[in-house]
PDB file of all heavy atoms in Angstrom:
ATOM      1  N   ASN A   1      34.547 149.105  68.870  1.00  0.00           N
ATOM      2  CA  ASN A   1      34.215 149.299  67.604  1.00  0.00           C
ATOM      3  C   ASN A   1      35.346 149.956  66.841  1.00  0.00           C
ATOM      4  O   ASN A   1      35.041 150.741  65.793  1.00  0.00           O
ATOM      5  CB  ASN A   1      32.994 150.207  67.564  1.00  0.00           C
ATOM      6  CG  ASN A   1      33.213 151.637  68.105  1.00  0.00           C
ATOM      7  OD1 ASN A   1      33.956 151.745  69.104  1.00  0.00           O
ATOM      8  ND2 ASN A   1      32.491 152.591  67.691  1.00  0.00           N
ATOM      9  N   ILE A   2      36.571 149.834  67.337  1.00  0.00           N
ATOM     10  CA  ILE A   2      37.701 150.506  66.516  1.00  0.00           C
ATOM     11  C   ILE A   2      37.894 150.028  65.079  1.00  0.00           C
ATOM     12  O   ILE A   2      38.353 150.815  64.349  1.00  0.00           O
ATOM     13  CB  ILE A   2      38.995 150.303  67.418  1.00  0.00           C
ATOM     14  CG1 ILE A   2      39.957 151.350  67.066  1.00  0.00           C
ATOM     15  CG2 ILE A   2      39.567 148.904  67.138  1.00  0.00           C
ATOM     16  CD1 ILE A   2      39.820 152.783  67.641  1.00  0.00           C
ATOM     17  N   TYR A   3      37.374 148.864  64.868  1.00  0.00           N
ATOM     18  CA  TYR A   3      37.623 148.371  63.535  1.00  0.00           C
ATOM     19  C   TYR A   3      36.614 148.834  62.556  1.00  0.00           C
ATOM     20  O   TYR A   3      36.609 148.530  61.268  1.00  0.00           O
ATOM     21  CB  TYR A   3      37.579 146.768  63.525  1.00  0.00           C
ATOM     22  CG  TYR A   3      38.900 146.167  63.944  1.00  0.00           C
ATOM     23  CD1 TYR A   3      38.834 145.237  65.027  1.00  0.00           C
ATOM     24  CD2 TYR A   3      40.014 146.466  63.276  1.00  0.00           C
ATOM     25  CE1 TYR A   3      39.961 144.641  65.496  1.00  0.00           C
ATOM     26  CE2 TYR A   3      41.319 145.829  63.725  1.00  0.00           C
ATOM     27  CZ  TYR A   3      41.144 145.012  64.812  1.00  0.00           C
ATOM     28  OH  TYR A   3      42.323 144.294  65.202  1.00  0.00           O
ATOM     29  N   GLU A   4      35.780 149.710  63.038  1.00  0.00           N
ATOM     30  CA  GLU A   4      34.837 150.495  62.074  1.00  0.00           C
ATOM     31  C   GLU A   4      35.605 151.488  61.231  1.00  0.00           C
ATOM     32  O   GLU A   4      35.221 151.896  60.158  1.00  0.00           O
ATOM     33  CB  GLU A   4      33.730 151.228  62.934  1.00  0.00           C
ATOM     34  CG  GLU A   4      32.631 150.309  63.486  1.00  0.00           C
ATOM     35  CD  GLU A   4      31.804 151.048  64.272  1.00  0.00           C
ATOM     36  OE1 GLU A   4      31.764 152.281  64.299  1.00  0.00           O
ATOM     37  OE2 GLU A   4      30.888 150.398  64.908  1.00  0.00           O
ATOM     38  N   LEU A   5      36.854 151.870  61.750  1.00  0.00           N
ATOM     39  CA  LEU A   5      37.736 152.638  60.983  1.00  0.00           C
ATOM     40  C   LEU A   5      38.612 151.820  60.099  1.00  0.00           C
ATOM     41  O   LEU A   5      38.690 150.628  60.140  1.00  0.00           O
ATOM     42  CB  LEU A   5      38.682 153.534  61.933  1.00  0.00           C
ATOM     43  CG  LEU A   5      38.090 154.291  63.070  1.00  0.00           C
ATOM     44  CD1 LEU A   5      39.169 154.738  63.991  1.00  0.00           C
ATOM     45  CD2 LEU A   5      37.507 155.435  62.331  1.00  0.00           C
ATOM     46  N   PRO A   6      38.988 152.361  58.944  1.00  0.00           N
ATOM     47  CA  PRO A   6      39.786 151.725  57.900  1.00  0.00           C
ATOM     48  C   PRO A   6      41.071 151.012  58.490  1.00  0.00           C
ATOM     49  O   PRO A   6      41.767 151.769  59.321  1.00  0.00           O
ATOM     50  CB  PRO A   6      40.236 152.846  56.833  1.00  0.00           C
ATOM     51  CG  PRO A   6      39.201 153.907  56.985  1.00  0.00           C
ATOM     52  CD  PRO A   6      38.854 153.923  58.481  1.00  0.00           C
ATOM     53  N   ASN A   7      41.280 149.740  58.374  1.00  0.00           N
ATOM     54  CA  ASN A   7      42.385 149.104  59.270  1.00  0.00           C
ATOM     55  C   ASN A   7      43.153 148.137  58.391  1.00  0.00           C
ATOM     56  O   ASN A   7      42.684 147.823  57.300  1.00  0.00           O
ATOM     57  CB  ASN A   7      41.647 148.359  60.410  1.00  0.00           C
ATOM     58  CG  ASN A   7      40.619 147.398  59.954  1.00  0.00           C
ATOM     59  OD1 ASN A   7      41.121 146.262  59.651  1.00  0.00           O
ATOM     60  ND2 ASN A   7      39.369 147.769  59.881  1.00  0.00           N
ATOM     61  N   SER A   8      44.323 147.862  58.870  1.00  0.00           N
ATOM     62  CA  SER A   8      45.281 146.993  58.186  1.00  0.00           C
ATOM     63  C   SER A   8      46.092 146.289  59.096  1.00  0.00           C
ATOM     64  O   SER A   8      45.889 146.542  60.382  1.00  0.00           O
ATOM     65  CB  SER A   8      46.109 147.760  57.174  1.00  0.00           C
ATOM     66  OG  SER A   8      46.982 146.905  56.473  1.00  0.00           O
ATOM     67  N   ILE A   9      46.877 145.413  58.719  1.00  0.00           N
ATOM     68  CA  ILE A   9      47.829 144.621  59.601  1.00  0.00           C
ATOM     69  C   ILE A   9      49.269 144.992  59.279  1.00  0.00           C
ATOM     70  O   ILE A   9      49.492 145.498  58.229  1.00  0.00           O
ATOM     71  CB  ILE A   9      47.587 143.111  59.547  1.00  0.00           C
ATOM     72  CG1 ILE A   9      47.959 142.651  58.182  1.00  0.00           C
ATOM     73  CG2 ILE A   9      46.263 142.655  60.083  1.00  0.00           C
ATOM     74  CD1 ILE A   9      47.830 141.125  58.080  1.00  0.00           C
ATOM     75  N   SER A  10      50.170 144.827  60.221  1.00  0.00           N
ATOM     76  CA  SER A  10      51.616 145.171  60.001  1.00  0.00           C
ATOM     77  C   SER A  10      52.425 143.827  60.412  1.00  0.00           C
ATOM     78  O   SER A  10      51.974 143.091  61.352  1.00  0.00           O
ATOM     79  CB  SER A  10      52.137 146.241  60.799  1.00  0.00           C
ATOM     80  OG  SER A  10      53.473 146.351  60.795  1.00  0.00           O
ATOM     81  N   ASN A  11      53.576 143.619  59.632  1.00  0.00           N
ATOM     82  CA  ASN A  11      54.298 142.491  60.018  1.00  0.00           C
ATOM     83  C   ASN A  11      55.341 142.718  61.084  1.00  0.00           C
ATOM     84  O   ASN A  11      56.103 141.899  61.471  1.00  0.00           O
ATOM     85  CB  ASN A  11      55.012 141.847  58.758  1.00  0.00           C
ATOM     86  CG  ASN A  11      56.059 142.838  58.178  1.00  0.00           C
ATOM     87  OD1 ASN A  11      56.174 143.895  58.724  1.00  0.00           O
ATOM     88  ND2 ASN A  11      56.641 142.343  57.096  1.00  0.00           N
ATOM     89  N   LEU A  12      55.353 143.927  61.703  1.00  0.00           N
ATOM     90  CA  LEU A  12      56.180 144.320  62.756  1.00  0.00           C
ATOM     91  C   LEU A  12      55.587 143.579  64.021  1.00  0.00           C
ATOM     92  O   LEU A  12      54.414 143.562  64.234  1.00  0.00           O
ATOM     93  CB  LEU A  12      56.233 145.804  63.005  1.00  0.00           C
ATOM     94  CG  LEU A  12      56.800 146.639  61.900  1.00  0.00           C
ATOM     95  CD1 LEU A  12      56.515 148.111  62.088  1.00  0.00           C
ATOM     96  CD2 LEU A  12      58.305 146.465  61.919  1.00  0.00           C
ATOM     97  N   ARG A  13      56.577 142.977  64.800  1.00  0.00           N
ATOM     98  CA  ARG A  13      56.102 142.175  65.933  1.00  0.00           C
ATOM     99  C   ARG A  13      56.304 142.826  67.364  1.00  0.00           C
ATOM    100  O   ARG A  13      57.322 143.712  67.464  1.00  0.00           O
ATOM    101  CB  ARG A  13      56.949 140.786  65.874  1.00  0.00           C
ATOM    102  CG  ARG A  13      56.664 140.004  64.557  1.00  0.00           C
ATOM    103  CD  ARG A  13      57.690 138.783  64.527  1.00  0.00           C
ATOM    104  NE  ARG A  13      59.066 139.388  64.561  1.00  0.00           N
ATOM    105  CZ  ARG A  13      60.201 138.608  64.514  1.00  0.00           C
ATOM    106  NH1 ARG A  13      59.967 137.278  64.772  1.00  0.00           N
ATOM    107  NH2 ARG A  13      61.399 139.214  64.614  1.00  0.00           N
ATOM    108  N   LEU A  14      55.481 142.489  68.178  1.00  0.00           N
ATOM    109  CA  LEU A  14      55.490 143.095  69.546  1.00  0.00           C
ATOM    110  C   LEU A  14      55.877 142.065  70.641  1.00  0.00           C
ATOM    111  O   LEU A  14      55.234 140.947  70.625  1.00  0.00           O
ATOM    112  CB  LEU A  14      54.089 143.714  69.838  1.00  0.00           C
ATOM    113  CG  LEU A  14      53.918 144.453  71.137  1.00  0.00           C
ATOM    114  CD1 LEU A  14      54.941 145.616  71.268  1.00  0.00           C
ATOM    115  CD2 LEU A  14      52.487 144.929  71.320  1.00  0.00           C
ATOM    116  N   GLN A  15      56.903 142.317  71.393  1.00  0.00           N
ATOM    117  CA  GLN A  15      57.316 141.386  72.535  1.00  0.00           C
ATOM    118  C   GLN A  15      56.661 141.704  73.756  1.00  0.00           C
ATOM    119  O   GLN A  15      56.667 142.884  74.318  1.00  0.00           O
ATOM    120  CB  GLN A  15      58.877 141.448  72.553  1.00  0.00           C
ATOM    121  CG  GLN A  15      59.635 141.070  71.422  1.00  0.00           C
ATOM    122  CD  GLN A  15      61.092 141.492  71.471  1.00  0.00           C
ATOM    123  OE1 GLN A  15      61.398 142.535  71.733  1.00  0.00           O
ATOM    124  NE2 GLN A  15      61.924 140.456  71.467  1.00  0.00           N
ATOM    125  N   HIS A  16      55.968 140.672  74.337  1.00  0.00           N
ATOM    126  CA  HIS A  16      55.326 140.874  75.635  1.00  0.00           C
ATOM    127  C   HIS A  16      56.068 140.151  76.762  1.00  0.00           C
ATOM    128  O   HIS A  16      56.203 138.928  76.811  1.00  0.00           O
ATOM    129  CB  HIS A  16      53.837 140.360  75.524  1.00  0.00           C
ATOM    130  CG  HIS A  16      53.139 140.484  76.864  1.00  0.00           C
ATOM    131  ND1 HIS A  16      52.297 139.455  77.285  1.00  0.00           N
ATOM    132  CD2 HIS A  16      53.123 141.553  77.830  1.00  0.00           C
ATOM    133  CE1 HIS A  16      51.742 139.986  78.393  1.00  0.00           C
ATOM    134  NE2 HIS A  16      52.250 140.972  78.789  1.00  0.00           N
ATOM    135  N   PHE A  17      56.651 140.940  77.640  1.00  0.00           N
ATOM    136  CA  PHE A  17      57.428 140.300  78.738  1.00  0.00           C
ATOM    137  C   PHE A  17      56.694 140.013  80.050  1.00  0.00           C
ATOM    138  O   PHE A  17      57.237 139.948  81.110  1.00  0.00           O
ATOM    139  CB  PHE A  17      58.759 141.199  78.924  1.00  0.00           C
ATOM    140  CG  PHE A  17      59.695 141.120  77.771  1.00  0.00           C
ATOM    141  CD1 PHE A  17      59.618 142.084  76.829  1.00  0.00           C
ATOM    142  CD2 PHE A  17      60.556 140.185  77.770  1.00  0.00           C
ATOM    143  CE1 PHE A  17      60.569 142.108  75.786  1.00  0.00           C
ATOM    144  CE2 PHE A  17      61.429 140.057  76.696  1.00  0.00           C
ATOM    145  CZ  PHE A  17      61.416 141.055  75.678  1.00  0.00           C
ATOM    146  N   GLY A  18      55.419 140.281  79.999  1.00  0.00           N
ATOM    147  CA  GLY A  18      54.596 140.180  81.233  1.00  0.00           C
ATOM    148  C   GLY A  18      54.481 138.839  81.893  1.00  0.00           C
ATOM    149  O   GLY A  18      53.876 138.689  83.029  1.00  0.00           O
ATOM    150  N   TRP A  19      54.977 137.758  81.176  1.00  0.00           N
ATOM    151  CA  TRP A  19      55.183 136.489  81.708  1.00  0.00           C
ATOM    152  C   TRP A  19      56.653 135.957  81.908  1.00  0.00           C
ATOM    153  O   TRP A  19      56.810 134.699  82.010  1.00  0.00           O
ATOM    154  CB  TRP A  19      54.331 135.498  80.860  1.00  0.00           C
ATOM    155  CG  TRP A  19      52.985 135.856  80.653  1.00  0.00           C
ATOM    156  CD1 TRP A  19      52.535 136.553  79.493  1.00  0.00           C
ATOM    157  CD2 TRP A  19      51.761 135.858  81.460  1.00  0.00           C
ATOM    158  NE1 TRP A  19      51.140 136.725  79.460  1.00  0.00           N
ATOM    159  CE2 TRP A  19      50.810 136.275  80.738  1.00  0.00           C
ATOM    160  CE3 TRP A  19      51.571 135.191  82.821  1.00  0.00           C
ATOM    161  CZ2 TRP A  19      49.377 136.281  81.333  1.00  0.00           C
ATOM    162  CZ3 TRP A  19      50.309 135.186  83.182  1.00  0.00           C
ATOM    163  CH2 TRP A  19      49.235 135.727  82.546  1.00  0.00           C
ATOM    164  N   ALA A  20      57.496 136.747  81.764  1.00  0.00           N
ATOM    165  CA  ALA A  20      58.929 136.414  81.592  1.00  0.00           C
ATOM    166  C   ALA A  20      59.653 135.869  82.828  1.00  0.00           C
ATOM    167  O   ALA A  20      60.888 135.612  82.619  1.00  0.00           O
ATOM    168  CB  ALA A  20      59.619 137.569  80.799  1.00  0.00           C
ATOM    169  N   ASN A  21      59.036 135.845  83.828  1.00  0.00           N
ATOM    170  CA  ASN A  21      59.841 135.158  85.025  1.00  0.00           C
ATOM    171  C   ASN A  21      58.803 134.527  86.065  1.00  0.00           C
ATOM    172  O   ASN A  21      57.612 134.875  85.933  1.00  0.00           O
ATOM    173  CB  ASN A  21      60.754 135.936  85.662  1.00  0.00           C
ATOM    174  CG  ASN A  21      60.087 137.203  86.586  1.00  0.00           C
ATOM    175  OD1 ASN A  21      59.381 136.845  87.371  1.00  0.00           O
ATOM    176  ND2 ASN A  21      60.518 138.356  86.348  1.00  0.00           N
ATOM    177  N   PRO A  22      59.236 133.473  86.671  1.00  0.00           N
ATOM    178  CA  PRO A  22      58.321 132.686  87.543  1.00  0.00           C
ATOM    179  C   PRO A  22      57.509 133.526  88.587  1.00  0.00           C
ATOM    180  O   PRO A  22      56.282 133.337  88.912  1.00  0.00           O
ATOM    181  CB  PRO A  22      59.183 131.612  88.259  1.00  0.00           C
ATOM    182  CG  PRO A  22      60.402 131.617  87.332  1.00  0.00           C
ATOM    183  CD  PRO A  22      60.505 132.881  86.766  1.00  0.00           C
ATOM    184  N   ASP A  23      58.185 134.566  89.142  1.00  0.00           N
ATOM    185  CA  ASP A  23      57.474 135.371  90.126  1.00  0.00           C
ATOM    186  C   ASP A  23      56.305 136.164  89.646  1.00  0.00           C
ATOM    187  O   ASP A  23      55.366 136.230  90.165  1.00  0.00           O
ATOM    188  CB  ASP A  23      58.548 136.326  90.942  1.00  0.00           C
ATOM    189  CG  ASP A  23      59.517 135.573  91.699  1.00  0.00           C
ATOM    190  OD1 ASP A  23      59.308 134.475  92.043  1.00  0.00           O
ATOM    191  OD2 ASP A  23      60.626 136.173  91.983  1.00  0.00           O
ATOM    192  N   ILE A  24      56.603 136.743  88.361  1.00  0.00           N
ATOM    193  CA  ILE A  24      55.544 137.464  87.718  1.00  0.00           C
ATOM    194  C   ILE A  24      54.330 136.416  87.411  1.00  0.00           C
ATOM    195  O   ILE A  24      53.171 136.871  87.489  1.00  0.00           O
ATOM    196  CB  ILE A  24      56.073 138.179  86.489  1.00  0.00           C
ATOM    197  CG1 ILE A  24      57.098 139.272  86.875  1.00  0.00           C
ATOM    198  CG2 ILE A  24      54.861 138.687  85.670  1.00  0.00           C
ATOM    199  CD1 ILE A  24      57.641 139.961  85.725  1.00  0.00           C
ATOM    200  N   ARG A  25      54.747 135.421  86.926  1.00  0.00           N
ATOM    201  CA  ARG A  25      53.637 134.440  86.545  1.00  0.00           C
ATOM    202  C   ARG A  25      52.726 133.972  87.710  1.00  0.00           C
ATOM    203  O   ARG A  25      51.455 134.025  87.744  1.00  0.00           O
ATOM    204  CB  ARG A  25      54.214 133.232  85.828  1.00  0.00           C
ATOM    205  CG  ARG A  25      54.734 133.507  84.548  1.00  0.00           C
ATOM    206  CD  ARG A  25      55.057 132.145  83.714  1.00  0.00           C
ATOM    207  NE  ARG A  25      56.161 131.454  84.205  1.00  0.00           N
ATOM    208  CZ  ARG A  25      57.447 131.611  83.809  1.00  0.00           C
ATOM    209  NH1 ARG A  25      57.725 132.635  83.018  1.00  0.00           N
ATOM    210  NH2 ARG A  25      58.420 130.791  84.288  1.00  0.00           N
ATOM    211  N   LEU A  26      53.488 133.794  88.851  1.00  0.00           N
ATOM    212  CA  LEU A  26      52.613 133.419  90.113  1.00  0.00           C
ATOM    213  C   LEU A  26      51.911 134.542  90.535  1.00  0.00           C
ATOM    214  O   LEU A  26      50.687 134.352  90.861  1.00  0.00           O
ATOM    215  CB  LEU A  26      53.709 133.025  91.210  1.00  0.00           C
ATOM    216  CG  LEU A  26      53.069 132.523  92.560  1.00  0.00           C
ATOM    217  CD1 LEU A  26      52.174 131.437  92.269  1.00  0.00           C
ATOM    218  CD2 LEU A  26      54.265 132.204  93.590  1.00  0.00           C
ATOM    219  N   GLU A  27      52.392 135.691  90.429  1.00  0.00           N
ATOM    220  CA  GLU A  27      51.641 136.957  90.930  1.00  0.00           C
ATOM    221  C   GLU A  27      50.449 137.166  90.040  1.00  0.00           C
ATOM    222  O   GLU A  27      49.224 137.375  90.532  1.00  0.00           O
ATOM    223  CB  GLU A  27      52.456 138.184  90.814  1.00  0.00           C
ATOM    224  CG  GLU A  27      51.668 139.501  91.117  1.00  0.00           C
ATOM    225  CD  GLU A  27      52.508 140.670  90.893  1.00  0.00           C
ATOM    226  OE1 GLU A  27      53.782 140.570  90.875  1.00  0.00           O
ATOM    227  OE2 GLU A  27      51.992 141.725  90.627  1.00  0.00           O
ATOM    228  N   LYS A  28      50.510 136.971  88.705  1.00  0.00           N
ATOM    229  CA  LYS A  28      49.340 137.062  87.774  1.00  0.00           C
ATOM    230  C   LYS A  28      48.342 135.934  87.979  1.00  0.00           C
ATOM    231  O   LYS A  28      47.196 136.216  87.931  1.00  0.00           O
ATOM    232  CB  LYS A  28      49.869 137.029  86.286  1.00  0.00           C
ATOM    233  CG  LYS A  28      50.393 138.400  85.909  1.00  0.00           C
ATOM    234  CD  LYS A  28      50.639 138.543  84.476  1.00  0.00           C
ATOM    235  CE  LYS A  28      51.140 139.852  84.038  1.00  0.00           C
ATOM    236  NZ  LYS A  28      51.105 140.064  82.538  1.00  0.00           N
TER     237      LYS A  28
END
C-alpha cells in the first residue's frame, strides 16, 4: 500500500546486474 502516499516517477534509471552472467542465471 506504499502508493497510498503521494507518489511520482523519475527518469533516473536503475541497472540490475542480477542476470549478468551465465552462472548467475543458471543458479537463479
